[in-house]
Amino acid sequence: MSRTSPLRRSPPSPRRSARARRRTGSPRSPTRRTRHWPSTTACSPRWPPATPPADPLPDREAPVSVETALRNYRVAAWVTGIGLIALVFVAMPLKYFLDVPGPVAVVGVTHGFLYMIYIVCTLLLAERGRWKPLDALLILLAGTIPIASFVAERRVTARVRAGRSPVS
């Protein structure tokens, strides 16, 4: 009965693939070699870069001006207001009085999507106009009340053009 040492390997069988031989070690070399992988941490010598990155917009103003943000807000307020009126005064009565649920599914999802756009446009305008957070929140809530988005849009437009806060 011959016993083989655990450190000694038997020669590979001819049926073993090259991949299997690589995993278990080469038959010619009894020791395994480890690979040296490059460092993936942020502490490598290349981090932080020696020179700061160049300013992507050196001679331009902010990507969205107050006028552009106001125009986008006005369009979003009108579209959201019309969608909410269609939902509340057309689709909901059709669903609950005439038992036609289809329009609520379409107009409701559409209004939800449009309201998200209204939120983004309002927050962009609030950031560009340096509004107080409470002012932005009140304008955002106006998009949830039928007809209120039209009133808020008029008030915001007049006050932003005058350089004042939209609510106070």
Protein backbone atom coordinates (compact mmCIF):
# COMPACT_ATOMS: atom_id res chain seq x y z
CA MET A 1 0.00 0.00 0.00
CA SER A 2 1.65 3.15 -1.10
CA ARG A 3 0.66 6.44 0.34
CA THR A 4 1.29 9.69 -1.40
CA SER A 5 2.39 12.73 0.46
CA PRO A 6 -0.25 15.51 0.61
CA LEU A 7 2.32 17.94 -0.79
CA ARG A 8 3.04 15.78 -3.79
CA ARG A 9 0.57 15.70 -6.57
CA SER A 10 -0.10 12.96 -8.96
CA PRO A 11 0.39 13.74 -12.64
CA PRO A 12 -2.72 15.08 -14.29
CA SER A 13 -4.92 12.67 -16.14
CA PRO A 14 -5.19 13.24 -19.86
CA ARG A 15 -8.88 14.01 -19.49
CA ARG A 16 -8.35 17.13 -17.37
CA SER A 17 -8.61 20.39 -19.24
CA ALA A 18 -6.03 23.12 -19.28
CA ARG A 19 -8.38 25.21 -17.19
CA ALA A 20 -8.57 22.55 -14.50
CA ARG A 21 -4.78 22.20 -14.51
CA ARG A 22 -4.43 25.96 -14.06
CA ARG A 23 -6.77 25.93 -11.09
CA THR A 24 -4.94 23.17 -9.30
CA GLY A 25 -1.45 24.24 -10.34
CA SER A 26 0.81 23.28 -13.15
CA PRO A 27 2.09 19.67 -13.11
CA ARG A 28 5.57 21.01 -13.79
CA SER A 29 5.58 23.37 -10.83
CA PRO A 30 4.43 22.07 -7.44
CA THR A 31 4.01 25.58 -6.02
CA ARG A 32 1.13 27.87 -6.92
CA ARG A 33 1.77 31.36 -8.10
CA THR A 34 -0.43 34.22 -6.97
CA ARG A 35 -1.33 37.00 -9.28
CA HIS A 36 -0.63 40.59 -8.38
CA TRP A 37 -3.74 42.65 -9.03
CA PRO A 38 -3.66 46.44 -9.33
CA SER A 39 -4.90 48.40 -6.37
CA THR A 40 -8.61 49.28 -6.54
CA THR A 41 -8.76 51.50 -3.50
CA ALA A 42 -8.97 55.27 -3.55
CA CYS A 43 -5.72 55.41 -1.58
CA SER A 44 -3.57 54.51 -4.54
CA PRO A 45 -0.86 57.05 -5.43
CA ARG A 46 -2.90 58.33 -8.36
CA TRP A 47 -5.59 59.70 -6.06
CA PRO A 48 -6.25 62.64 -5.69
CA PRO A 49 -5.11 63.92 -9.04
CA ALA A 50 -2.15 66.28 -8.98
CA THR A 51 -4.03 69.01 -10.83
CA PRO A 52 -7.66 69.93 -10.18
CA PRO A 53 -10.07 69.32 -13.05
CA ALA A 54 -10.75 72.23 -15.34
CA ASP A 55 -13.98 74.16 -14.89
CA PRO A 56 -16.39 72.77 -17.52
CA LEU A 57 -18.17 76.14 -17.96
CA PRO A 58 -15.49 78.78 -17.42
CA ASP A 59 -17.07 81.78 -19.16
CA ARG A 60 -20.75 80.87 -19.01
CA GLU A 61 -23.39 81.58 -16.45
CA ALA A 62 -25.42 78.87 -14.76
CA PRO A 63 -26.78 76.23 -17.18
CA VAL A 64 -30.37 77.28 -16.42
CA SER A 65 -31.07 80.98 -15.99
CA VAL A 66 -33.93 82.38 -13.93
CA GLU A 67 -35.81 83.32 -17.11
CA THR A 68 -35.51 79.80 -18.52
CA ALA A 69 -36.51 78.25 -15.19
CA LEU A 70 -39.52 80.60 -15.01
CA ARG A 71 -40.61 79.69 -18.55
CA ASN A 72 -40.31 75.97 -17.79
CA TYR A 73 -42.23 76.43 -14.54
CA ARG A 74 -45.04 78.32 -16.29
CA VAL A 75 -45.45 75.59 -18.93
CA ALA A 76 -45.36 72.85 -16.29
CA ALA A 77 -47.89 74.70 -14.10
CA TRP A 78 -50.35 75.11 -16.97
CA VAL A 79 -50.02 71.53 -18.20
CA THR A 80 -50.31 70.13 -14.67
CA GLY A 81 -53.31 72.35 -13.94
CA ILE A 82 -55.12 71.26 -17.10
CA GLY A 83 -54.33 67.61 -16.34
CA LEU A 84 -55.66 67.96 -12.79
CA ILE A 85 -58.85 69.64 -14.01
CA ALA A 86 -59.36 66.85 -16.54
CA LEU A 87 -58.83 64.27 -13.81
CA VAL A 88 -61.08 65.85 -11.19
CA PHE A 89 -63.88 67.27 -13.33
CA VAL A 90 -64.02 64.75 -16.19
CA ALA A 91 -62.42 61.40 -15.38
CA MET A 92 -63.51 61.07 -11.75
CA PRO A 93 -67.21 61.82 -12.45
CA LEU A 94 -67.10 59.33 -15.33
CA LYS A 95 -65.74 56.69 -12.98
CA TYR A 96 -68.06 57.25 -10.03
CA PHE A 97 -71.30 58.37 -11.72
CA LEU A 98 -71.26 56.47 -15.03
CA ASP A 99 -69.07 53.50 -13.98
CA VAL A 100 -66.43 54.11 -16.69
CA PRO A 101 -63.03 53.49 -15.00
CA GLY A 102 -60.85 53.78 -18.12
CA PRO A 103 -60.25 57.55 -18.23
CA VAL A 104 -59.12 57.67 -14.59
CA ALA A 105 -56.41 55.11 -15.31
CA VAL A 106 -55.07 57.10 -18.25
CA VAL A 107 -55.55 60.67 -16.98
CA GLY A 108 -54.45 59.76 -13.44
CA VAL A 109 -51.14 58.28 -14.53
CA THR A 110 -50.58 61.15 -16.96
CA HIS A 111 -51.25 63.73 -14.26
CA GLY A 112 -48.86 61.92 -11.89
CA PHE A 113 -46.10 62.02 -14.47
CA LEU A 114 -46.78 65.68 -15.27
CA TYR A 115 -46.81 66.54 -11.56
CA MET A 116 -43.31 65.07 -11.20
CA ILE A 117 -42.15 67.36 -14.01
CA TYR A 118 -43.90 70.26 -12.21
CA ILE A 119 -41.97 69.41 -9.04
CA VAL A 120 -38.63 69.44 -10.87
CA CYS A 121 -39.41 72.74 -12.63
CA THR A 122 -40.58 74.36 -9.39
CA LEU A 123 -37.48 73.23 -7.51
CA LEU A 124 -35.22 74.51 -10.28
CA LEU A 125 -36.94 77.89 -10.19
CA ALA A 126 -36.78 77.95 -6.39
CA GLU A 127 -33.06 77.21 -6.49
CA ARG A 128 -32.36 79.86 -9.14
CA GLY A 129 -34.55 82.44 -7.43
CA ARG A 130 -33.18 81.60 -3.96
CA TRP A 131 -36.61 81.01 -2.46
CA LYS A 132 -37.18 79.96 1.09
CA PRO A 133 -37.99 76.23 1.37
CA LEU A 134 -41.47 76.99 2.75
CA ASP A 135 -42.25 79.16 -0.30
CA ALA A 136 -41.26 76.32 -2.63
CA LEU A 137 -43.37 73.86 -0.65
CA LEU A 138 -46.45 76.08 -0.87
CA ILE A 139 -46.01 76.46 -4.63
CA LEU A 140 -45.59 72.68 -4.94
CA LEU A 141 -48.83 72.12 -3.01
CA ALA A 142 -50.64 74.44 -5.42
CA GLY A 143 -50.19 71.75 -8.07
CA THR A 144 -52.43 69.39 -6.08
CA ILE A 145 -55.47 71.67 -5.85
CA PRO A 146 -57.60 72.20 -8.97
CA ILE A 147 -57.26 75.74 -10.39
CA ALA A 148 -54.67 76.68 -7.71
CA SER A 149 -51.75 76.03 -10.06
CA PHE A 150 -53.04 78.78 -12.39
CA VAL A 151 -53.30 81.27 -9.52
CA ALA A 152 -49.87 80.29 -8.20
CA GLU A 153 -48.35 80.56 -11.68
CA ARG A 154 -49.62 84.14 -12.10
CA ARG A 155 -48.41 85.17 -8.67
CA VAL A 156 -45.00 83.50 -9.04
CA THR A 157 -44.45 85.01 -12.49
CA ALA A 158 -45.26 88.54 -11.32
CA ARG A 159 -43.12 88.29 -8.20
CA VAL A 160 -40.13 86.64 -9.87
CA ARG A 161 -40.10 89.29 -12.59
CA ALA A 162 -40.24 91.95 -9.87
CA GLY A 163 -37.38 90.24 -8.00
CA ARG A 164 -39.46 89.43 -4.90
CA SER A 165 -40.27 86.25 -2.98
CA PRO A 166 -43.16 84.30 -4.56
CA VAL A 167 -45.27 83.84 -1.41
CA SER A 168 -44.65 86.46 1.26
